[in-house]
Amino acid sequence: DVCEGEHIGFFQQDWKSQDREDKFWRG
């Protein structure tokens, strides 16, 4: 996951926002 700069936590936030049963980590 991004840990510095403007997009810190991008993939964690993406994962949390997925409202499907088969969530997947995109990072």
mmCIF file of all heavy atoms, coordinates in Angstrom:
data_MODEL
# 
_entry.id   MODEL 
# 
loop_
_atom_site.group_PDB 
_atom_site.id 
_atom_site.type_symbol 
_atom_site.label_atom_id 
_atom_site.label_alt_id 
_atom_site.label_comp_id 
_atom_site.label_asym_id 
_atom_site.label_entity_id 
_atom_site.label_seq_id 
_atom_site.pdbx_PDB_ins_code 
_atom_site.Cartn_x 
_atom_site.Cartn_y 
_atom_site.Cartn_z 
_atom_site.occupancy 
_atom_site.B_iso_or_equiv 
_atom_site.pdbx_formal_charge 
_atom_site.auth_seq_id 
_atom_site.auth_comp_id 
_atom_site.auth_asym_id 
_atom_site.auth_atom_id 
_atom_site.pdbx_PDB_model_num 
ATOM 1   N N   . ASP A 1 1  ? 0.849   -1.177  0.000  1.00 0.00 ? 1  ASP A N   1 
ATOM 2   C CA  . ASP A 1 1  ? 0.000   0.000   0.000  1.00 0.00 ? 1  ASP A CA  1 
ATOM 3   C C   . ASP A 1 1  ? 0.889   1.233   0.000  1.00 0.00 ? 1  ASP A C   1 
ATOM 4   O O   . ASP A 1 1  ? 2.032   1.190   0.475  1.00 0.00 ? 1  ASP A O   1 
ATOM 5   C CB  . ASP A 1 1  ? -0.935  0.024   1.217  1.00 0.00 ? 1  ASP A CB  1 
ATOM 6   C CG  . ASP A 1 1  ? -2.167  0.890   0.990  1.00 0.00 ? 1  ASP A CG  1 
ATOM 7   O OD1 . ASP A 1 1  ? -2.261  1.561   -0.064 1.00 0.00 ? 1  ASP A OD1 1 
ATOM 8   O OD2 . ASP A 1 1  ? -3.044  0.898   1.870  1.00 0.00 ? 1  ASP A OD2 1 
ATOM 9   N N   . VAL A 1 2  ? 0.376   2.317   -0.532 1.00 0.00 ? 2  VAL A N   1 
ATOM 10  C CA  . VAL A 1 2  ? 1.108   3.578   -0.576 1.00 0.00 ? 2  VAL A CA  1 
ATOM 11  C C   . VAL A 1 2  ? 1.287   4.070   0.859  1.00 0.00 ? 2  VAL A C   1 
ATOM 12  O O   . VAL A 1 2  ? 0.330   4.096   1.641  1.00 0.00 ? 2  VAL A O   1 
ATOM 13  C CB  . VAL A 1 2  ? 0.346   4.619   -1.429 1.00 0.00 ? 2  VAL A CB  1 
ATOM 14  C CG1 . VAL A 1 2  ? 1.088   5.945   -1.453 1.00 0.00 ? 2  VAL A CG1 1 
ATOM 15  C CG2 . VAL A 1 2  ? 0.118   4.094   -2.840 1.00 0.00 ? 2  VAL A CG2 1 
ATOM 16  N N   . CYS A 1 3  ? 2.520   4.451   1.216  1.00 0.00 ? 3  CYS A N   1 
ATOM 17  C CA  . CYS A 1 3  ? 2.772   4.865   2.612  1.00 0.00 ? 3  CYS A CA  1 
ATOM 18  C C   . CYS A 1 3  ? 3.341   6.281   2.729  1.00 0.00 ? 3  CYS A C   1 
ATOM 19  O O   . CYS A 1 3  ? 3.587   6.750   3.836  1.00 0.00 ? 3  CYS A O   1 
ATOM 20  C CB  . CYS A 1 3  ? 3.684   3.861   3.313  1.00 0.00 ? 3  CYS A CB  1 
ATOM 21  S SG  . CYS A 1 3  ? 5.355   3.780   2.655  1.00 0.00 ? 3  CYS A SG  1 
ATOM 22  N N   . GLU A 1 4  ? 3.539   6.966   1.607  1.00 0.00 ? 4  GLU A N   1 
ATOM 23  C CA  . GLU A 1 4  ? 4.013   8.357   1.637  1.00 0.00 ? 4  GLU A CA  1 
ATOM 24  C C   . GLU A 1 4  ? 3.295   9.145   0.556  1.00 0.00 ? 4  GLU A C   1 
ATOM 25  O O   . GLU A 1 4  ? 2.899   8.595   -0.472 1.00 0.00 ? 4  GLU A O   1 
ATOM 26  C CB  . GLU A 1 4  ? 5.527   8.427   1.368  1.00 0.00 ? 4  GLU A CB  1 
ATOM 27  C CG  . GLU A 1 4  ? 6.388   7.837   2.446  1.00 0.00 ? 4  GLU A CG  1 
ATOM 28  C CD  . GLU A 1 4  ? 7.886   7.948   2.154  1.00 0.00 ? 4  GLU A CD  1 
ATOM 29  O OE1 . GLU A 1 4  ? 8.283   8.738   1.262  1.00 0.00 ? 4  GLU A OE1 1 
ATOM 30  O OE2 . GLU A 1 4  ? 8.645   7.243   2.809  1.00 0.00 ? 4  GLU A OE2 1 
ATOM 31  N N   . GLY A 1 5  ? 3.127   10.443  0.810  1.00 0.00 ? 5  GLY A N   1 
ATOM 32  C CA  . GLY A 1 5  ? 2.573   11.323  -0.211 1.00 0.00 ? 5  GLY A CA  1 
ATOM 33  C C   . GLY A 1 5  ? 1.061   11.452  -0.170 1.00 0.00 ? 5  GLY A C   1 
ATOM 34  O O   . GLY A 1 5  ? 0.393   11.033  0.774  1.00 0.00 ? 5  GLY A O   1 
ATOM 35  N N   . GLU A 1 6  ? 0.538   11.993  -1.232 1.00 0.00 ? 6  GLU A N   1 
ATOM 36  C CA  . GLU A 1 6  ? -0.878  12.352  -1.336 1.00 0.00 ? 6  GLU A CA  1 
ATOM 37  C C   . GLU A 1 6  ? -1.822  11.156  -1.287 1.00 0.00 ? 6  GLU A C   1 
ATOM 38  O O   . GLU A 1 6  ? -2.964  11.277  -0.855 1.00 0.00 ? 6  GLU A O   1 
ATOM 39  C CB  . GLU A 1 6  ? -1.073  13.105  -2.666 1.00 0.00 ? 6  GLU A CB  1 
ATOM 40  C CG  . GLU A 1 6  ? -2.470  13.504  -2.986 1.00 0.00 ? 6  GLU A CG  1 
ATOM 41  C CD  . GLU A 1 6  ? -2.583  14.175  -4.350 1.00 0.00 ? 6  GLU A CD  1 
ATOM 42  O OE1 . GLU A 1 6  ? -1.550  14.471  -4.979 1.00 0.00 ? 6  GLU A OE1 1 
ATOM 43  O OE2 . GLU A 1 6  ? -3.721  14.383  -4.782 1.00 0.00 ? 6  GLU A OE2 1 
ATOM 44  N N   . HIS A 1 7  ? -1.366  9.986   -1.702 1.00 0.00 ? 7  HIS A N   1 
ATOM 45  C CA  . HIS A 1 7  ? -2.254  8.824   -1.826 1.00 0.00 ? 7  HIS A CA  1 
ATOM 46  C C   . HIS A 1 7  ? -2.012  7.761   -0.756 1.00 0.00 ? 7  HIS A C   1 
ATOM 47  O O   . HIS A 1 7  ? -2.242  6.575   -0.988 1.00 0.00 ? 7  HIS A O   1 
ATOM 48  C CB  . HIS A 1 7  ? -2.123  8.224   -3.224 1.00 0.00 ? 7  HIS A CB  1 
ATOM 49  C CG  . HIS A 1 7  ? -2.551  9.162   -4.305 1.00 0.00 ? 7  HIS A CG  1 
ATOM 50  N ND1 . HIS A 1 7  ? -3.876  9.390   -4.592 1.00 0.00 ? 7  HIS A ND1 1 
ATOM 51  C CD2 . HIS A 1 7  ? -1.840  9.964   -5.131 1.00 0.00 ? 7  HIS A CD2 1 
ATOM 52  C CE1 . HIS A 1 7  ? -3.959  10.275  -5.579 1.00 0.00 ? 7  HIS A CE1 1 
ATOM 53  N NE2 . HIS A 1 7  ? -2.737  10.639  -5.914 1.00 0.00 ? 7  HIS A NE2 1 
ATOM 54  N N   . ILE A 1 8  ? -1.578  8.169   0.431  1.00 0.00 ? 8  ILE A N   1 
ATOM 55  C CA  . ILE A 1 8  ? -1.333  7.223   1.532  1.00 0.00 ? 8  ILE A CA  1 
ATOM 56  C C   . ILE A 1 8  ? -2.585  6.377   1.773  1.00 0.00 ? 8  ILE A C   1 
ATOM 57  O O   . ILE A 1 8  ? -3.705  6.897   1.831  1.00 0.00 ? 8  ILE A O   1 
ATOM 58  C CB  . ILE A 1 8  ? -0.955  7.959   2.828  1.00 0.00 ? 8  ILE A CB  1 
ATOM 59  C CG1 . ILE A 1 8  ? 0.429   8.597   2.702  1.00 0.00 ? 8  ILE A CG1 1 
ATOM 60  C CG2 . ILE A 1 8  ? -0.982  7.025   4.038  1.00 0.00 ? 8  ILE A CG2 1 
ATOM 61  C CD1 . ILE A 1 8  ? 0.833   9.459   3.879  1.00 0.00 ? 8  ILE A CD1 1 
ATOM 62  N N   . GLY A 1 9  ? -2.393  5.061   1.890  1.00 0.00 ? 9  GLY A N   1 
ATOM 63  C CA  . GLY A 1 9  ? -3.498  4.158   2.203  1.00 0.00 ? 9  GLY A CA  1 
ATOM 64  C C   . GLY A 1 9  ? -4.474  3.939   1.053  1.00 0.00 ? 9  GLY A C   1 
ATOM 65  O O   . GLY A 1 9  ? -5.586  3.462   1.273  1.00 0.00 ? 9  GLY A O   1 
ATOM 66  N N   . PHE A 1 10 ? -4.067  4.238   -0.168 1.00 0.00 ? 10 PHE A N   1 
ATOM 67  C CA  . PHE A 1 10 ? -4.969  4.146   -1.323 1.00 0.00 ? 10 PHE A CA  1 
ATOM 68  C C   . PHE A 1 10 ? -5.606  2.766   -1.447 1.00 0.00 ? 10 PHE A C   1 
ATOM 69  O O   . PHE A 1 10 ? -6.811  2.644   -1.623 1.00 0.00 ? 10 PHE A O   1 
ATOM 70  C CB  . PHE A 1 10 ? -4.212  4.488   -2.613 1.00 0.00 ? 10 PHE A CB  1 
ATOM 71  C CG  . PHE A 1 10 ? -5.068  4.385   -3.837 1.00 0.00 ? 10 PHE A CG  1 
ATOM 72  C CD1 . PHE A 1 10 ? -5.834  5.466   -4.244 1.00 0.00 ? 10 PHE A CD1 1 
ATOM 73  C CD2 . PHE A 1 10 ? -5.131  3.214   -4.570 1.00 0.00 ? 10 PHE A CD2 1 
ATOM 74  C CE1 . PHE A 1 10 ? -6.650  5.379   -5.365 1.00 0.00 ? 10 PHE A CE1 1 
ATOM 75  C CE2 . PHE A 1 10 ? -5.938  3.111   -5.695 1.00 0.00 ? 10 PHE A CE2 1 
ATOM 76  C CZ  . PHE A 1 10 ? -6.702  4.196   -6.091 1.00 0.00 ? 10 PHE A CZ  1 
ATOM 77  N N   . PHE A 1 11 ? -4.802  1.698   -1.363 1.00 0.00 ? 11 PHE A N   1 
ATOM 78  C CA  . PHE A 1 11 ? -5.339  0.355   -1.588 1.00 0.00 ? 11 PHE A CA  1 
ATOM 79  C C   . PHE A 1 11 ? -6.162  -0.146  -0.410 1.00 0.00 ? 11 PHE A C   1 
ATOM 80  O O   . PHE A 1 11 ? -7.123  -0.892  -0.596 1.00 0.00 ? 11 PHE A O   1 
ATOM 81  C CB  . PHE A 1 11 ? -4.219  -0.620  -1.953 1.00 0.00 ? 11 PHE A CB  1 
ATOM 82  C CG  . PHE A 1 11 ? -3.602  -0.278  -3.277 1.00 0.00 ? 11 PHE A CG  1 
ATOM 83  C CD1 . PHE A 1 11 ? -2.335  0.277   -3.355 1.00 0.00 ? 11 PHE A CD1 1 
ATOM 84  C CD2 . PHE A 1 11 ? -4.308  -0.462  -4.452 1.00 0.00 ? 11 PHE A CD2 1 
ATOM 85  C CE1 . PHE A 1 11 ? -1.780  0.625   -4.574 1.00 0.00 ? 11 PHE A CE1 1 
ATOM 86  C CE2 . PHE A 1 11 ? -3.766  -0.115  -5.685 1.00 0.00 ? 11 PHE A CE2 1 
ATOM 87  C CZ  . PHE A 1 11 ? -2.497  0.433   -5.740 1.00 0.00 ? 11 PHE A CZ  1 
ATOM 88  N N   . GLN A 1 12 ? -5.833  0.284   0.808  1.00 0.00 ? 12 GLN A N   1 
ATOM 89  C CA  . GLN A 1 12 ? -6.653  -0.049  1.972  1.00 0.00 ? 12 GLN A CA  1 
ATOM 90  C C   . GLN A 1 12 ? -8.032  0.590   1.822  1.00 0.00 ? 12 GLN A C   1 
ATOM 91  O O   . GLN A 1 12 ? -9.055  -0.063  2.046  1.00 0.00 ? 12 GLN A O   1 
ATOM 92  C CB  . GLN A 1 12 ? -5.980  0.426   3.262  1.00 0.00 ? 12 GLN A CB  1 
ATOM 93  C CG  . GLN A 1 12 ? -6.791  0.172   4.518  1.00 0.00 ? 12 GLN A CG  1 
ATOM 94  C CD  . GLN A 1 12 ? -6.888  -1.294  4.879  1.00 0.00 ? 12 GLN A CD  1 
ATOM 95  O OE1 . GLN A 1 12 ? -5.943  -2.039  4.676  1.00 0.00 ? 12 GLN A OE1 1 
ATOM 96  N NE2 . GLN A 1 12 ? -8.012  -1.710  5.413  1.00 0.00 ? 12 GLN A NE2 1 
ATOM 97  N N   . GLN A 1 13 ? -8.051  1.861   1.423  1.00 0.00 ? 13 GLN A N   1 
ATOM 98  C CA  . GLN A 1 13 ? -9.323  2.562   1.230  1.00 0.00 ? 13 GLN A CA  1 
ATOM 99  C C   . GLN A 1 13 ? -10.127 1.923   0.103  1.00 0.00 ? 13 GLN A C   1 
ATOM 100 O O   . GLN A 1 13 ? -11.339 1.749   0.205  1.00 0.00 ? 13 GLN A O   1 
ATOM 101 C CB  . GLN A 1 13 ? -9.075  4.045   0.940  1.00 0.00 ? 13 GLN A CB  1 
ATOM 102 C CG  . GLN A 1 13 ? -10.334 4.857   0.860  1.00 0.00 ? 13 GLN A CG  1 
ATOM 103 C CD  . GLN A 1 13 ? -11.118 4.837   2.166  1.00 0.00 ? 13 GLN A CD  1 
ATOM 104 O OE1 . GLN A 1 13 ? -10.558 4.827   3.248  1.00 0.00 ? 13 GLN A OE1 1 
ATOM 105 N NE2 . GLN A 1 13 ? -12.431 4.796   2.064  1.00 0.00 ? 13 GLN A NE2 1 
ATOM 106 N N   . ASP A 1 14 ? -9.439  1.546   -0.976 1.00 0.00 ? 14 ASP A N   1 
ATOM 107 C CA  . ASP A 1 14 ? -10.106 0.873   -2.096 1.00 0.00 ? 14 ASP A CA  1 
ATOM 108 C C   . ASP A 1 14 ? -10.747 -0.428  -1.625 1.00 0.00 ? 14 ASP A C   1 
ATOM 109 O O   . ASP A 1 14 ? -11.900 -0.715  -1.949 1.00 0.00 ? 14 ASP A O   1 
ATOM 110 C CB  . ASP A 1 14 ? -9.089  0.599   -3.207 1.00 0.00 ? 14 ASP A CB  1 
ATOM 111 C CG  . ASP A 1 14 ? -9.656  -0.272  -4.307 1.00 0.00 ? 14 ASP A CG  1 
ATOM 112 O OD1 . ASP A 1 14 ? -10.484 0.231   -5.088 1.00 0.00 ? 14 ASP A OD1 1 
ATOM 113 O OD2 . ASP A 1 14 ? -9.280  -1.461  -4.376 1.00 0.00 ? 14 ASP A OD2 1 
ATOM 114 N N   . TRP A 1 15 ? -10.008 -1.214  -0.841 1.00 0.00 ? 15 TRP A N   1 
ATOM 115 C CA  . TRP A 1 15 ? -10.528 -2.496  -0.361 1.00 0.00 ? 15 TRP A CA  1 
ATOM 116 C C   . TRP A 1 15 ? -11.749 -2.285  0.527  1.00 0.00 ? 15 TRP A C   1 
ATOM 117 O O   . TRP A 1 15 ? -12.753 -2.984  0.400  1.00 0.00 ? 15 TRP A O   1 
ATOM 118 C CB  . TRP A 1 15 ? -9.426  -3.252  0.387  1.00 0.00 ? 15 TRP A CB  1 
ATOM 119 C CG  . TRP A 1 15 ? -9.812  -4.638  0.751  1.00 0.00 ? 15 TRP A CG  1 
ATOM 120 C CD1 . TRP A 1 15 ? -9.768  -5.740  -0.048 1.00 0.00 ? 15 TRP A CD1 1 
ATOM 121 C CD2 . TRP A 1 15 ? -10.319 -5.083  2.007  1.00 0.00 ? 15 TRP A CD2 1 
ATOM 122 N NE1 . TRP A 1 15 ? -10.215 -6.843  0.644  1.00 0.00 ? 15 TRP A NE1 1 
ATOM 123 C CE2 . TRP A 1 15 ? -10.561 -6.466  1.905  1.00 0.00 ? 15 TRP A CE2 1 
ATOM 124 C CE3 . TRP A 1 15 ? -10.590 -4.445  3.211  1.00 0.00 ? 15 TRP A CE3 1 
ATOM 125 C CZ2 . TRP A 1 15 ? -11.053 -7.210  2.956  1.00 0.00 ? 15 TRP A CZ2 1 
ATOM 126 C CZ3 . TRP A 1 15 ? -11.090 -5.195  4.258  1.00 0.00 ? 15 TRP A CZ3 1 
ATOM 127 C CH2 . TRP A 1 15 ? -11.316 -6.568  4.117  1.00 0.00 ? 15 TRP A CH2 1 
ATOM 128 N N   . LYS A 1 16 ? -11.666 -1.288  1.419  1.00 0.00 ? 16 LYS A N   1 
ATOM 129 C CA  . LYS A 1 16 ? -12.795 -1.005  2.312  1.00 0.00 ? 16 LYS A CA  1 
ATOM 130 C C   . LYS A 1 16 ? -14.032 -0.554  1.546  1.00 0.00 ? 16 LYS A C   1 
ATOM 131 O O   . LYS A 1 16 ? -15.154 -0.833  1.962  1.00 0.00 ? 16 LYS A O   1 
ATOM 132 C CB  . LYS A 1 16 ? -12.416 0.081   3.333  1.00 0.00 ? 16 LYS A CB  1 
ATOM 133 C CG  . LYS A 1 16 ? -11.526 -0.394  4.435  1.00 0.00 ? 16 LYS A CG  1 
ATOM 134 C CD  . LYS A 1 16 ? -11.229 0.750   5.393  1.00 0.00 ? 16 LYS A CD  1 
ATOM 135 C CE  . LYS A 1 16 ? -10.339 0.310   6.521  1.00 0.00 ? 16 LYS A CE  1 
ATOM 136 N NZ  . LYS A 1 16 ? -10.028 1.441   7.434  1.00 0.00 ? 16 LYS A NZ  1 
ATOM 137 N N   . SER A 1 17 ? -13.833 0.137   0.439  1.00 0.00 ? 17 SER A N   1 
ATOM 138 C CA  . SER A 1 17 ? -14.969 0.680   -0.310 1.00 0.00 ? 17 SER A CA  1 
ATOM 139 C C   . SER A 1 17 ? -15.645 -0.355  -1.201 1.00 0.00 ? 17 SER A C   1 
ATOM 140 O O   . SER A 1 17 ? -16.744 -0.104  -1.703 1.00 0.00 ? 17 SER A O   1 
ATOM 141 C CB  . SER A 1 17 ? -14.528 1.868   -1.161 1.00 0.00 ? 17 SER A CB  1 
ATOM 142 O OG  . SER A 1 17 ? -13.715 1.442   -2.234 1.00 0.00 ? 17 SER A OG  1 
ATOM 143 N N   . GLN A 1 18 ? -15.030 -1.502  -1.395 1.00 0.00 ? 18 GLN A N   1 
ATOM 144 C CA  . GLN A 1 18 ? -15.639 -2.533  -2.241 1.00 0.00 ? 18 GLN A CA  1 
ATOM 145 C C   . GLN A 1 18 ? -16.841 -3.133  -1.512 1.00 0.00 ? 18 GLN A C   1 
ATOM 146 O O   . GLN A 1 18 ? -16.713 -3.599  -0.388 1.00 0.00 ? 18 GLN A O   1 
ATOM 147 C CB  . GLN A 1 18 ? -14.620 -3.631  -2.575 1.00 0.00 ? 18 GLN A CB  1 
ATOM 148 C CG  . GLN A 1 18 ? -13.497 -3.158  -3.459 1.00 0.00 ? 18 GLN A CG  1 
ATOM 149 C CD  . GLN A 1 18 ? -12.492 -4.255  -3.721 1.00 0.00 ? 18 GLN A CD  1 
ATOM 150 O OE1 . GLN A 1 18 ? -12.835 -5.431  -3.828 1.00 0.00 ? 18 GLN A OE1 1 
ATOM 151 N NE2 . GLN A 1 18 ? -11.227 -3.865  -3.835 1.00 0.00 ? 18 GLN A NE2 1 
ATOM 152 N N   . ASP A 1 19 ? -17.981 -3.104  -2.182 1.00 0.00 ? 19 ASP A N   1 
ATOM 153 C CA  . ASP A 1 19 ? -19.197 -3.616  -1.553 1.00 0.00 ? 19 ASP A CA  1 
ATOM 154 C C   . ASP A 1 19 ? -19.605 -4.963  -2.119 1.00 0.00 ? 19 ASP A C   1 
ATOM 155 O O   . ASP A 1 19 ? -20.757 -5.344  -2.084 1.00 0.00 ? 19 ASP A O   1 
ATOM 156 C CB  . ASP A 1 19 ? -20.331 -2.593  -1.669 1.00 0.00 ? 19 ASP A CB  1 
ATOM 157 C CG  . ASP A 1 19 ? -20.659 -2.242  -3.111 1.00 0.00 ? 19 ASP A CG  1 
ATOM 158 O OD1 . ASP A 1 19 ? -19.973 -2.745  -4.030 1.00 0.00 ? 19 ASP A OD1 1 
ATOM 159 O OD2 . ASP A 1 19 ? -21.591 -1.453  -3.326 1.00 0.00 ? 19 ASP A OD2 1 
ATOM 160 N N   . ARG A 1 20 ? -18.653 -5.693  -2.636 1.00 0.00 ? 20 ARG A N   1 
ATOM 161 C CA  . ARG A 1 20 ? -18.927 -7.009  -3.214 1.00 0.00 ? 20 ARG A CA  1 
ATOM 162 C C   . ARG A 1 20 ? -18.439 -8.100  -2.270 1.00 0.00 ? 20 ARG A C   1 
ATOM 163 O O   . ARG A 1 20 ? -17.595 -7.851  -1.418 1.00 0.00 ? 20 ARG A O   1 
ATOM 164 C CB  . ARG A 1 20 ? -18.237 -7.127  -4.573 1.00 0.00 ? 20 ARG A CB  1 
ATOM 165 C CG  . ARG A 1 20 ? -16.832 -6.578  -4.544 1.00 0.00 ? 20 ARG A CG  1 
ATOM 166 C CD  . ARG A 1 20 ? -16.202 -6.345  -5.879 1.00 0.00 ? 20 ARG A CD  1 
ATOM 167 N NE  . ARG A 1 20 ? -15.713 -7.581  -6.445 1.00 0.00 ? 20 ARG A NE  1 
ATOM 168 C CZ  . ARG A 1 20 ? -15.277 -7.700  -7.668 1.00 0.00 ? 20 ARG A CZ  1 
ATOM 169 N NH1 . ARG A 1 20 ? -15.257 -6.668  -8.462 1.00 0.00 ? 20 ARG A NH1 1 
ATOM 170 N NH2 . ARG A 1 20 ? -14.854 -8.843  -8.126 1.00 0.00 ? 20 ARG A NH2 1 
ATOM 171 N N   . GLU A 1 21 ? -18.986 -9.282  -2.431 1.00 0.00 ? 21 GLU A N   1 
ATOM 172 C CA  . GLU A 1 21 ? -18.598 -10.393 -1.558 1.00 0.00 ? 21 GLU A CA  1 
ATOM 173 C C   . GLU A 1 21 ? -17.179 -10.873 -1.829 1.00 0.00 ? 21 GLU A C   1 
ATOM 174 O O   . GLU A 1 21 ? -16.483 -11.295 -0.919 1.00 0.00 ? 21 GLU A O   1 
ATOM 175 C CB  . GLU A 1 21 ? -19.572 -11.562 -1.732 1.00 0.00 ? 21 GLU A CB  1 
ATOM 176 C CG  . GLU A 1 21 ? -20.941 -11.284 -1.152 1.00 0.00 ? 21 GLU A CG  1 
ATOM 177 C CD  . GLU A 1 21 ? -21.876 -12.467 -1.306 1.00 0.00 ? 21 GLU A CD  1 
ATOM 178 O OE1 . GLU A 1 21 ? -21.395 -13.613 -1.429 1.00 0.00 ? 21 GLU A OE1 1 
ATOM 179 O OE2 . GLU A 1 21 ? -23.095 -12.241 -1.297 1.00 0.00 ? 21 GLU A OE2 1 
ATOM 180 N N   . ASP A 1 22 ? -16.742 -10.804 -3.078 1.00 0.00 ? 22 ASP A N   1 
ATOM 181 C CA  . ASP A 1 22 ? -15.416 -11.296 -3.446 1.00 0.00 ? 22 ASP A CA  1 
ATOM 182 C C   . ASP A 1 22 ? -14.412 -10.143 -3.554 1.00 0.00 ? 22 ASP A C   1 
ATOM 183 O O   . ASP A 1 22 ? -13.780 -9.934  -4.583 1.00 0.00 ? 22 ASP A O   1 
ATOM 184 C CB  . ASP A 1 22 ? -15.471 -12.098 -4.748 1.00 0.00 ? 22 ASP A CB  1 
ATOM 185 C CG  . ASP A 1 22 ? -16.017 -11.287 -5.911 1.00 0.00 ? 22 ASP A CG  1 
ATOM 186 O OD1 . ASP A 1 22 ? -16.688 -10.255 -5.671 1.00 0.00 ? 22 ASP A OD1 1 
ATOM 187 O OD2 . ASP A 1 22 ? -15.766 -11.672 -7.066 1.00 0.00 ? 22 ASP A OD2 1 
ATOM 188 N N   . LYS A 1 23 ? -14.257 -9.389  -2.456 1.00 0.00 ? 23 LYS A N   1 
ATOM 189 C CA  . LYS A 1 23 ? -13.316 -8.274  -2.424 1.00 0.00 ? 23 LYS A CA  1 
ATOM 190 C C   . LYS A 1 23 ? -11.916 -8.758  -2.810 1.00 0.00 ? 23 LYS A C   1 
ATOM 191 O O   . LYS A 1 23 ? -11.562 -9.899  -2.534 1.00 0.00 ? 23 LYS A O   1 
ATOM 192 C CB  . LYS A 1 23 ? -13.224 -7.692  -1.015 1.00 0.00 ? 23 LYS A CB  1 
ATOM 193 C CG  . LYS A 1 23 ? -14.404 -6.898  -0.569 1.00 0.00 ? 23 LYS A CG  1 
ATOM 194 C CD  . LYS A 1 23 ? -14.108 -6.323  0.808  1.00 0.00 ? 23 LYS A CD  1 
ATOM 195 C CE  . LYS A 1 23 ? -15.211 -5.460  1.314  1.00 0.00 ? 23 LYS A CE  1 
ATOM 196 N NZ  . LYS A 1 23 ? -14.813 -4.722  2.519  1.00 0.00 ? 23 LYS A NZ  1 
ATOM 197 N N   . PHE A 1 24 ? -11.156 -7.878  -3.415 1.00 0.00 ? 24 PHE A N   1 
ATOM 198 C CA  . PHE A 1 24 ? -9.776  -8.231  -3.720 1.00 0.00 ? 24 PHE A CA  1 
ATOM 199 C C   . PHE A 1 24 ? -8.870  -7.017  -3.533 1.00 0.00 ? 24 PHE A C   1 
ATOM 200 O O   . PHE A 1 24 ? -9.286  -5.882  -3.695 1.00 0.00 ? 24 PHE A O   1 
ATOM 201 C CB  . PHE A 1 24 ? -9.642  -8.806  -5.138 1.00 0.00 ? 24 PHE A CB  1 
ATOM 202 C CG  . PHE A 1 24 ? -10.031 -7.845  -6.231 1.00 0.00 ? 24 PHE A CG  1 
ATOM 203 C CD1 . PHE A 1 24 ? -9.065  -7.116  -6.904 1.00 0.00 ? 24 PHE A CD1 1 
ATOM 204 C CD2 . PHE A 1 24 ? -11.358 -7.678  -6.585 1.00 0.00 ? 24 PHE A CD2 1 
ATOM 205 C CE1 . PHE A 1 24 ? -9.419  -6.232  -7.908 1.00 0.00 ? 24 PHE A CE1 1 
ATOM 206 C CE2 . PHE A 1 24 ? -11.720 -6.810  -7.584 1.00 0.00 ? 24 PHE A CE2 1 
ATOM 207 C CZ  . PHE A 1 24 ? -10.751 -6.074  -8.249 1.00 0.00 ? 24 PHE A CZ  1 
ATOM 208 N N   . TRP A 1 25 ? -7.630  -7.281  -3.165 1.00 0.00 ? 25 TRP A N   1 
ATOM 209 C CA  . TRP A 1 25 ? -6.618  -6.257  -2.924 1.00 0.00 ? 25 TRP A CA  1 
ATOM 210 C C   . TRP A 1 25 ? -5.970  -5.934  -4.263 1.00 0.00 ? 25 TRP A C   1 
ATOM 211 O O   . TRP A 1 25 ? -5.445  -6.797  -4.938 1.00 0.00 ? 25 TRP A O   1 
ATOM 212 C CB  . TRP A 1 25 ? -5.587  -6.804  -1.940 1.00 0.00 ? 25 TRP A CB  1 
ATOM 213 C CG  . TRP A 1 25 ? -4.630  -5.768  -1.486 1.00 0.00 ? 25 TRP A CG  1 
ATOM 214 C CD1 . TRP A 1 25 ? -3.402  -5.487  -2.015 1.00 0.00 ? 25 TRP A CD1 1 
ATOM 215 C CD2 . TRP A 1 25 ? -4.802  -4.868  -0.391 1.00 0.00 ? 25 TRP A CD2 1 
ATOM 216 N NE1 . TRP A 1 25 ? -2.809  -4.464  -1.328 1.00 0.00 ? 25 TRP A NE1 1 
ATOM 217 C CE2 . TRP A 1 25 ? -3.653  -4.068  -0.319 1.00 0.00 ? 25 TRP A CE2 1 
ATOM 218 C CE3 . TRP A 1 25 ? -5.825  -4.656  0.520  1.00 0.00 ? 25 TRP A CE3 1 
ATOM 219 C CZ2 . TRP A 1 25 ? -3.482  -3.063  0.641  1.00 0.00 ? 25 TRP A CZ2 1 
ATOM 220 C CZ3 . TRP A 1 25 ? -5.658  -3.670  1.477  1.00 0.00 ? 25 TRP A CZ3 1 
ATOM 221 C CH2 . TRP A 1 25 ? -4.496  -2.889  1.538  1.00 0.00 ? 25 TRP A CH2 1 
ATOM 222 N N   . ARG A 1 26 ? -6.028  -4.657  -4.667 1.00 0.00 ? 26 ARG A N   1 
ATOM 223 C CA  . ARG A 1 26 ? -5.498  -4.283  -5.978 1.00 0.00 ? 26 ARG A CA  1 
ATOM 224 C C   . ARG A 1 26 ? -4.039  -3.850  -5.945 1.00 0.00 ? 26 ARG A C   1 
ATOM 225 O O   . ARG A 1 26 ? -3.436  -3.684  -7.000 1.00 0.00 ? 26 ARG A O   1 
ATOM 226 C CB  . ARG A 1 26 ? -6.351  -3.172  -6.594 1.00 0.00 ? 26 ARG A CB  1 
ATOM 227 C CG  . ARG A 1 26 ? -7.736  -3.652  -6.964 1.00 0.00 ? 26 ARG A CG  1 
ATOM 228 C CD  . ARG A 1 26 ? -8.488  -2.683  -7.843 1.00 0.00 ? 26 ARG A CD  1 
ATOM 229 N NE  . ARG A 1 26 ? -8.527  -1.329  -7.315 1.00 0.00 ? 26 ARG A NE  1 
ATOM 230 C CZ  . ARG A 1 26 ? -8.555  -0.241  -8.084 1.00 0.00 ? 26 ARG A CZ  1 
ATOM 231 N NH1 . ARG A 1 26 ? -8.535  -0.332  -9.386 1.00 0.00 ? 26 ARG A NH1 1 
ATOM 232 N NH2 . ARG A 1 26 ? -8.600  0.953   -7.528 1.00 0.00 ? 26 ARG A NH2 1 
ATOM 233 N N   . GLY A 1 27 ? -3.445  -3.662  -4.783 1.00 0.00 ? 27 GLY A N   1 
ATOM 234 C CA  . GLY A 1 27 ? -2.041  -3.258  -4.693 1.00 0.00 ? 27 GLY A CA  1 
ATOM 235 C C   . GLY A 1 27 ? -1.132  -4.469  -4.694 1.00 0.00 ? 27 GLY A C   1 
ATOM 236 O O   . GLY A 1 27 ? -0.664  -4.900  -3.644 1.00 0.00 ? 27 GLY A O   1 
# 
